[in-house]
C-alpha atoms as a PDB file:
ATOM      1  CA  UNK A   1     101.972  87.138  85.690  1.00  0.00           C
ATOM      2  CA  UNK A   2      98.859  88.744  86.695  1.00  0.00           C
ATOM      3  CA  UNK A   3      99.072  92.544  87.105  1.00  0.00           C
ATOM      4  CA  UNK A   4      96.478  93.328  90.041  1.00  0.00           C
ATOM      5  CA  UNK A   5      95.187  96.778  90.003  1.00  0.00           C
ATOM      6  CA  UNK A   6      94.868  98.767  93.413  1.00  0.00           C
ATOM      7  CA  UNK A   7      96.432  96.101  95.600  1.00  0.00           C
ATOM      8  CA  UNK A   8      97.135  96.838  98.844  1.00  0.00           C
ATOM      9  CA  UNK A   9     100.667  97.466 100.058  1.00  0.00           C
ATOM     10  CA  UNK A  10     100.242  97.162 104.116  1.00  0.00           C
ATOM     11  CA  UNK A  11     102.311  93.691 103.779  1.00  0.00           C
ATOM     12  CA  UNK A  12     104.679  95.308 102.018  1.00  0.00           C
ATOM     13  CA  UNK A  13     106.128  98.311 104.223  1.00  0.00           C
ATOM     14  CA  UNK A  14     107.880  98.537 107.396  1.00  0.00           C
ATOM     15  CA  UNK A  15     104.608  99.842 109.612  1.00  0.00           C
ATOM     16  CA  UNK A  16     101.822  98.139 107.765  1.00  0.00           C
ATOM     17  CA  UNK A  17     100.523 101.604 107.000  1.00  0.00           C
ATOM     18  CA  UNK A  18      97.531 101.733 104.440  1.00  0.00           C
ATOM     19  CA  UNK A  19      98.423 102.113 101.052  1.00  0.00           C
ATOM     20  CA  UNK A  20      97.711 100.861  97.387  1.00  0.00           C
ATOM     21  CA  UNK A  21      99.489 100.497  94.451  1.00  0.00           C
ATOM     22  CA  UNK A  22      97.754 101.594  91.432  1.00  0.00           C
ATOM     23  CA  UNK A  23      99.290  98.322  89.604  1.00  0.00           C
ATOM     24  CA  UNK A  24     101.379  95.630  91.345  1.00  0.00           C
ATOM     25  CA  UNK A  25     102.623  92.426  89.898  1.00  0.00           C
ATOM     26  CA  UNK A  26     104.388  89.749  91.758  1.00  0.00           C
ATOM     27  CA  UNK A  27     107.648  88.362  89.815  1.00  0.00           C
ATOM     28  CA  UNK A  28     108.760  84.857  90.597  1.00  0.00           C
ATOM     29  CA  UNK A  29     111.383  83.701  87.728  1.00  0.00           C
ATOM     30  CA  UNK A  30     113.746  85.751  85.669  1.00  0.00           C
ATOM     31  CA  UNK A  31     111.515  84.759  82.760  1.00  0.00           C
ATOM     32  CA  UNK A  32     108.663  86.344  84.373  1.00  0.00           C
ATOM     33  CA  UNK A  33     110.767  89.883  84.771  1.00  0.00           C
ATOM     34  CA  UNK A  34     111.868  89.615  81.196  1.00  0.00           C
ATOM     35  CA  UNK A  35     108.038  89.282  80.299  1.00  0.00           C
ATOM     36  CA  UNK A  36     106.962  91.975  82.280  1.00  0.00           C
ATOM     37  CA  UNK A  37     109.293  94.360  80.807  1.00  0.00           C
ATOM     38  CA  UNK A  38     108.583  93.611  77.222  1.00  0.00           C
ATOM     39  CA  UNK A  39     105.178  94.120  77.861  1.00  0.00           C
ATOM     40  CA  UNK A  40     102.782  97.317  77.271  1.00  0.00           C
ATOM     41  CA  UNK A  41     101.743  97.444  80.936  1.00  0.00           C
ATOM     42  CA  UNK A  42     105.600  98.221  81.623  1.00  0.00           C
ATOM     43  CA  UNK A  43     105.989 100.171  79.058  1.00  0.00           C
ATOM     44  CA  UNK A  44     102.831 102.556  79.578  1.00  0.00           C
ATOM     45  CA  UNK A  45     102.597 102.607  83.536  1.00  0.00           C
ATOM     46  CA  UNK A  46     104.788 105.552  84.085  1.00  0.00           C
ATOM     47  CA  UNK A  47     106.440 105.428  87.516  1.00  0.00           C
ATOM     48  CA  UNK A  48     107.931 102.306  88.582  1.00  0.00           C
ATOM     49  CA  UNK A  49     109.051 100.782  91.983  1.00  0.00           C
ATOM     50  CA  UNK A  50     111.205  97.566  92.702  1.00  0.00           C
ATOM     51  CA  UNK A  51     110.204  96.126  95.909  1.00  0.00           C
ATOM     52  CA  UNK A  52     111.982  92.942  97.825  1.00  0.00           C
ATOM     53  CA  UNK A  53     110.760  92.118 101.399  1.00  0.00           C
ATOM     54  CA  UNK A  54     109.577  95.935 101.797  1.00  0.00           C
ATOM     55  CA  UNK A  55     111.678  96.309 105.299  1.00  0.00           C
ATOM     56  CA  UNK A  56     113.089  99.396 104.472  1.00  0.00           C
ATOM     57  CA  UNK A  57     109.836 100.690 102.849  1.00  0.00           C
ATOM     58  CA  UNK A  58     107.584 103.135 104.289  1.00  0.00           C
ATOM     59  CA  UNK A  59     104.506 104.211 102.123  1.00  0.00           C
ATOM     60  CA  UNK A  60     102.904 107.155 103.505  1.00  0.00           C
ATOM     61  CA  UNK A  61     100.069 107.118 100.659  1.00  0.00           C
ATOM     62  CA  UNK A  62      99.020 105.346  97.614  1.00  0.00           C
ATOM     63  CA  UNK A  63     101.697 104.400  94.687  1.00  0.00           C
ATOM     64  CA  UNK A  64     100.350 105.792  91.413  1.00  0.00           C
ATOM     65  CA  UNK A  65     102.275 103.585  89.116  1.00  0.00           C
ATOM     66  CA  UNK A  66     103.730  99.788  88.740  1.00  0.00           C
ATOM     67  CA  UNK A  67     105.028  97.956  92.130  1.00  0.00           C
ATOM     68  CA  UNK A  68     107.009  95.205  91.038  1.00  0.00           C
ATOM     69  CA  UNK A  69     107.443  92.419  93.946  1.00  0.00           C
ATOM     70  CA  UNK A  70     110.675  90.495  93.504  1.00  0.00           C
ATOM     71  CA  UNK A  71     109.685  87.020  94.608  1.00  0.00           C
ATOM     72  CA  UNK A  72     112.496  84.953  93.416  1.00  0.00           C
ATOM     73  CA  UNK A  73     114.623  83.165  96.160  1.00  0.00           C
ATOM     74  CA  UNK A  74     118.020  84.391  96.206  1.00  0.00           C
ATOM     75  CA  UNK A  75     117.365  87.231  94.105  1.00  0.00           C
ATOM     76  CA  UNK A  76     118.337  90.798  95.571  1.00  0.00           C
ATOM     77  CA  UNK A  77     118.094  94.334  94.350  1.00  0.00           C
ATOM     78  CA  UNK A  78     121.727  95.634  94.912  1.00  0.00           C
ATOM     79  CA  UNK A  79     121.036  98.788  92.805  1.00  0.00           C
ATOM     80  CA  UNK A  80     118.243 101.185  92.096  1.00  0.00           C
ATOM     81  CA  UNK A  81     117.771 104.428  90.966  1.00  0.00           C
ATOM     82  CA  UNK A  82     115.380 106.539  88.796  1.00  0.00           C
ATOM     83  CA  UNK A  83     115.742 104.710  85.688  1.00  0.00           C
ATOM     84  CA  UNK A  84     117.281 101.117  86.653  1.00  0.00           C
ATOM     85  CA  UNK A  85     117.777  98.439  88.805  1.00  0.00           C
ATOM     86  CA  UNK A  86     120.303  95.813  88.943  1.00  0.00           C
ATOM     87  CA  UNK A  87     119.969  92.399  90.762  1.00  0.00           C
ATOM     88  CA  UNK A  88     122.288  89.571  91.885  1.00  0.00           C
ATOM     89  CA  UNK A  89     121.401  86.120  90.050  1.00  0.00           C
ATOM     90  CA  UNK A  90     118.794  83.758  91.436  1.00  0.00           C
ATOM     91  CA  UNK A  91     119.582  80.287  92.000  1.00  0.00           C
ATOM     92  CA  UNK A  92     117.857  79.316  88.819  1.00  0.00           C
ATOM     93  CA  UNK A  93     120.332  81.341  86.989  1.00  0.00           C
ATOM     94  CA  UNK A  94     123.397  79.277  88.575  1.00  0.00           C
ATOM     95  CA  UNK A  95     125.024  82.604  89.203  1.00  0.00           C
ATOM     96  CA  UNK A  96     125.981  83.251  85.333  1.00  0.00           C
ATOM     97  CA  UNK A  97     122.995  85.733  84.595  1.00  0.00           C
ATOM     98  CA  UNK A  98     123.307  89.135  85.605  1.00  0.00           C
ATOM     99  CA  UNK A  99     120.393  91.270  84.209  1.00  0.00           C
ATOM    100  CA  UNK A 100     119.742  95.165  84.108  1.00  0.00           C
ATOM    101  CA  UNK A 101     116.135  96.673  83.244  1.00  0.00           C
ATOM    102  CA  UNK A 102     116.893 100.080  81.695  1.00  0.00           C
ATOM    103  CA  UNK A 103     113.284 101.527  80.975  1.00  0.00           C
ATOM    104  CA  UNK A 104     112.123  98.732  79.162  1.00  0.00           C
ATOM    105  CA  UNK A 105     115.485  96.902  77.640  1.00  0.00           C
ATOM    106  CA  UNK A 106     116.959  93.773  79.233  1.00  0.00           C
ATOM    107  CA  UNK A 107     120.756  93.307  78.758  1.00  0.00           C
ATOM    108  CA  UNK A 108     121.979  90.232  79.854  1.00  0.00           C
ATOM    109  CA  UNK A 109     126.141  89.755  80.804  1.00  0.00           C
END
């Protein structure tokens, strides 16, 4: 898991406008998501944004927080608000794991 500073977001928003994320991480497994959420970077990053393909996002300026790009085939964010996000399971989970990130806490059902 590599946290990139000042990452360009042009490829991650609908109109390709120039913007940067203060911190950016590409998450390619459920293990990497859990690792990130338990890390000091996540705890101390302030604003957080979960994105997928970016087809419904328009950045009009830089994002002064942590952008988390979900890059797991078959995983989709189904609900997101200020404090939480909920996803559908990825194929690697065989449909048995649903996880929810709540300000740094992982709950597995």
